[in-house]
């Protein structure tokens, strides 16, 4: 997939219950419009129960025009009932090209419980 996709911050320190926003930058390096859909994954797997996204680009399809760049926010909170032994949550996204001949592009970002 001819998109560059990266978080503006690789790691953020978050306290459970704190509302946090992070942003990702995406650029369509192709000469054609592309529609993509991001699918999140979490590490450790149990984190999915405690990572509450309020706003996320992954909630809908994203269309980028040729050579367009866009900032995409994720607004989230870590539930206060997160087990104390979980000190780091890694949030990863894989973008899937919804156009014919699709390939995937992935990126990792971390939210650290401090």
C-alpha atoms as a PDB file:
ATOM      1  CA  UNK A   1       0.000   0.000   0.000  1.00  0.00           C
ATOM      2  CA  UNK A   2       1.612   3.286  -1.034  1.00  0.00           C
ATOM      3  CA  UNK A   3       0.856   5.122   2.223  1.00  0.00           C
ATOM      4  CA  UNK A   4       3.355   6.373   4.767  1.00  0.00           C
ATOM      5  CA  UNK A   5       1.787   6.082   8.219  1.00  0.00           C
ATOM      6  CA  UNK A   6       3.405   6.987  11.556  1.00  0.00           C
ATOM      7  CA  UNK A   7       2.535   8.337  14.997  1.00  0.00           C
ATOM      8  CA  UNK A   8       3.665  11.874  15.805  1.00  0.00           C
ATOM      9  CA  UNK A   9       4.824  10.465  19.183  1.00  0.00           C
ATOM     10  CA  UNK A  10       6.079   6.896  19.451  1.00  0.00           C
ATOM     11  CA  UNK A  11       5.453   6.634  23.200  1.00  0.00           C
ATOM     12  CA  UNK A  12       3.139   8.519  25.560  1.00  0.00           C
ATOM     13  CA  UNK A  13       2.851   8.207  29.325  1.00  0.00           C
ATOM     14  CA  UNK A  14      -0.753   7.820  30.426  1.00  0.00           C
ATOM     15  CA  UNK A  15      -2.314   7.494  33.861  1.00  0.00           C
ATOM     16  CA  UNK A  16      -5.440   5.311  34.048  1.00  0.00           C
ATOM     17  CA  UNK A  17      -8.539   7.517  33.873  1.00  0.00           C
ATOM     18  CA  UNK A  18      -6.676  10.301  32.011  1.00  0.00           C
ATOM     19  CA  UNK A  19      -8.151  11.407  28.684  1.00  0.00           C
ATOM     20  CA  UNK A  20      -5.379  11.308  26.058  1.00  0.00           C
ATOM     21  CA  UNK A  21      -5.129  12.254  22.393  1.00  0.00           C
ATOM     22  CA  UNK A  22      -2.424  11.087  20.015  1.00  0.00           C
ATOM     23  CA  UNK A  23      -2.100  11.816  16.312  1.00  0.00           C
ATOM     24  CA  UNK A  24      -0.865   9.851  13.356  1.00  0.00           C
ATOM     25  CA  UNK A  25       0.286  11.288  10.040  1.00  0.00           C
ATOM     26  CA  UNK A  26      -0.619   9.500   6.844  1.00  0.00           C
ATOM     27  CA  UNK A  27       0.524  10.371   3.324  1.00  0.00           C
ATOM     28  CA  UNK A  28      -0.726   8.865   0.068  1.00  0.00           C
ATOM     29  CA  UNK A  29       2.430   8.578  -2.043  1.00  0.00           C
ATOM     30  CA  UNK A  30       0.534   7.391  -5.108  1.00  0.00           C
ATOM     31  CA  UNK A  31      -0.909   9.210  -8.109  1.00  0.00           C
ATOM     32  CA  UNK A  32      -4.427   7.841  -7.487  1.00  0.00           C
ATOM     33  CA  UNK A  33      -7.025   8.188  -4.712  1.00  0.00           C
ATOM     34  CA  UNK A  34      -6.901   5.302  -2.243  1.00  0.00           C
ATOM     35  CA  UNK A  35      -9.449   4.171   0.323  1.00  0.00           C
ATOM     36  CA  UNK A  36      -8.057   2.437   3.394  1.00  0.00           C
ATOM     37  CA  UNK A  37      -9.413   0.950   6.604  1.00  0.00           C
ATOM     38  CA  UNK A  38      -7.342   0.663   9.782  1.00  0.00           C
ATOM     39  CA  UNK A  39      -7.726  -2.332  12.074  1.00  0.00           C
ATOM     40  CA  UNK A  40      -6.284  -2.002  15.605  1.00  0.00           C
ATOM     41  CA  UNK A  41      -4.517  -4.646  17.697  1.00  0.00           C
ATOM     42  CA  UNK A  42      -3.368  -4.494  21.303  1.00  0.00           C
ATOM     43  CA  UNK A  43      -0.542  -5.947  23.330  1.00  0.00           C
ATOM     44  CA  UNK A  44      -0.947  -7.518  25.758  1.00  0.00           C
ATOM     45  CA  UNK A  45      -4.191  -9.000  24.397  1.00  0.00           C
ATOM     46  CA  UNK A  46      -6.085  -8.332  27.643  1.00  0.00           C
ATOM     47  CA  UNK A  47      -5.536  -4.572  27.089  1.00  0.00           C
ATOM     48  CA  UNK A  48      -8.451  -4.462  24.653  1.00  0.00           C
ATOM     49  CA  UNK A  49     -10.784  -4.584  27.698  1.00  0.00           C
ATOM     50  CA  UNK A  50      -9.172  -1.490  29.251  1.00  0.00           C
ATOM     51  CA  UNK A  51      -8.275   0.660  26.222  1.00  0.00           C
ATOM     52  CA  UNK A  52     -11.369   2.763  25.464  1.00  0.00           C
ATOM     53  CA  UNK A  53     -11.237   4.710  22.198  1.00  0.00           C
ATOM     54  CA  UNK A  54     -13.604   7.683  22.097  1.00  0.00           C
ATOM     55  CA  UNK A  55     -12.549   8.940  18.681  1.00  0.00           C
ATOM     56  CA  UNK A  56     -10.455   7.030  16.151  1.00  0.00           C
ATOM     57  CA  UNK A  57      -9.734   7.117  12.425  1.00  0.00           C
ATOM     58  CA  UNK A  58     -10.198   3.336  12.595  1.00  0.00           C
ATOM     59  CA  UNK A  59     -13.956   3.807  13.085  1.00  0.00           C
ATOM     60  CA  UNK A  60     -14.428   4.577   9.385  1.00  0.00           C
ATOM     61  CA  UNK A  61     -12.875   4.219   5.941  1.00  0.00           C
ATOM     62  CA  UNK A  62     -10.252   6.819   5.058  1.00  0.00           C
ATOM     63  CA  UNK A  63      -9.932   8.273   1.566  1.00  0.00           C
ATOM     64  CA  UNK A  64      -6.729  10.036   0.594  1.00  0.00           C
ATOM     65  CA  UNK A  65      -6.343  11.817  -2.701  1.00  0.00           C
ATOM     66  CA  UNK A  66      -3.090  11.555  -4.675  1.00  0.00           C
ATOM     67  CA  UNK A  67      -0.170  12.886  -2.555  1.00  0.00           C
ATOM     68  CA  UNK A  68      -2.575  14.081   0.169  1.00  0.00           C
ATOM     69  CA  UNK A  69      -1.389  14.069   3.769  1.00  0.00           C
ATOM     70  CA  UNK A  70      -3.654  14.041   6.784  1.00  0.00           C
ATOM     71  CA  UNK A  71      -3.377  14.063  10.573  1.00  0.00           C
ATOM     72  CA  UNK A  72      -5.565  11.422  12.187  1.00  0.00           C
ATOM     73  CA  UNK A  73      -6.369  11.618  15.910  1.00  0.00           C
ATOM     74  CA  UNK A  74      -7.096   8.896  18.426  1.00  0.00           C
ATOM     75  CA  UNK A  75      -8.814  10.059  21.621  1.00  0.00           C
ATOM     76  CA  UNK A  76      -8.748   7.417  24.348  1.00  0.00           C
ATOM     77  CA  UNK A  77      -8.739   6.626  28.042  1.00  0.00           C
ATOM     78  CA  UNK A  78      -7.232   3.672  29.886  1.00  0.00           C
ATOM     79  CA  UNK A  79      -9.776   2.221  32.309  1.00  0.00           C
ATOM     80  CA  UNK A  80      -8.773   2.658  35.955  1.00  0.00           C
ATOM     81  CA  UNK A  81      -9.414  -1.038  36.607  1.00  0.00           C
ATOM     82  CA  UNK A  82      -6.364  -1.927  34.487  1.00  0.00           C
ATOM     83  CA  UNK A  83      -4.376  -4.550  36.443  1.00  0.00           C
ATOM     84  CA  UNK A  84      -1.435  -2.916  38.252  1.00  0.00           C
ATOM     85  CA  UNK A  85       1.066  -5.334  36.704  1.00  0.00           C
ATOM     86  CA  UNK A  86       0.261  -4.032  33.188  1.00  0.00           C
ATOM     87  CA  UNK A  87       2.760  -1.210  32.758  1.00  0.00           C
ATOM     88  CA  UNK A  88       2.787  -0.895  28.960  1.00  0.00           C
ATOM     89  CA  UNK A  89       0.085  -1.189  26.315  1.00  0.00           C
ATOM     90  CA  UNK A  90       1.063  -1.293  22.665  1.00  0.00           C
ATOM     91  CA  UNK A  91      -1.534  -0.128  20.160  1.00  0.00           C
ATOM     92  CA  UNK A  92      -0.865  -1.214  16.579  1.00  0.00           C
ATOM     93  CA  UNK A  93      -2.762  -0.494  13.377  1.00  0.00           C
ATOM     94  CA  UNK A  94      -2.763  -2.251  10.068  1.00  0.00           C
ATOM     95  CA  UNK A  95      -4.199  -0.289   7.142  1.00  0.00           C
ATOM     96  CA  UNK A  96      -5.893  -2.346   4.476  1.00  0.00           C
ATOM     97  CA  UNK A  97      -6.202  -0.997   0.944  1.00  0.00           C
ATOM     98  CA  UNK A  98      -9.864  -1.279  -0.041  1.00  0.00           C
ATOM     99  CA  UNK A  99      -8.998  -0.683  -3.695  1.00  0.00           C
ATOM    100  CA  UNK A 100      -8.351  -3.689  -5.988  1.00  0.00           C
ATOM    101  CA  UNK A 101      -4.872  -5.248  -5.634  1.00  0.00           C
ATOM    102  CA  UNK A 102      -4.702  -4.353  -1.929  1.00  0.00           C
ATOM    103  CA  UNK A 103      -1.576  -4.622   0.220  1.00  0.00           C
ATOM    104  CA  UNK A 104      -1.276  -3.784   3.937  1.00  0.00           C
ATOM    105  CA  UNK A 105       0.856  -1.197   5.744  1.00  0.00           C
ATOM    106  CA  UNK A 106       1.307  -1.366   9.541  1.00  0.00           C
ATOM    107  CA  UNK A 107       2.626   0.806  12.369  1.00  0.00           C
ATOM    108  CA  UNK A 108       3.078   0.470  16.124  1.00  0.00           C
ATOM    109  CA  UNK A 109       2.622   3.038  18.854  1.00  0.00           C
ATOM    110  CA  UNK A 110       2.823   2.604  22.634  1.00  0.00           C
ATOM    111  CA  UNK A 111       0.836   4.018  25.512  1.00  0.00           C
ATOM    112  CA  UNK A 112       2.745   3.592  28.763  1.00  0.00           C
ATOM    113  CA  UNK A 113       0.967   3.357  32.113  1.00  0.00           C
ATOM    114  CA  UNK A 114       3.027   5.541  34.402  1.00  0.00           C
END
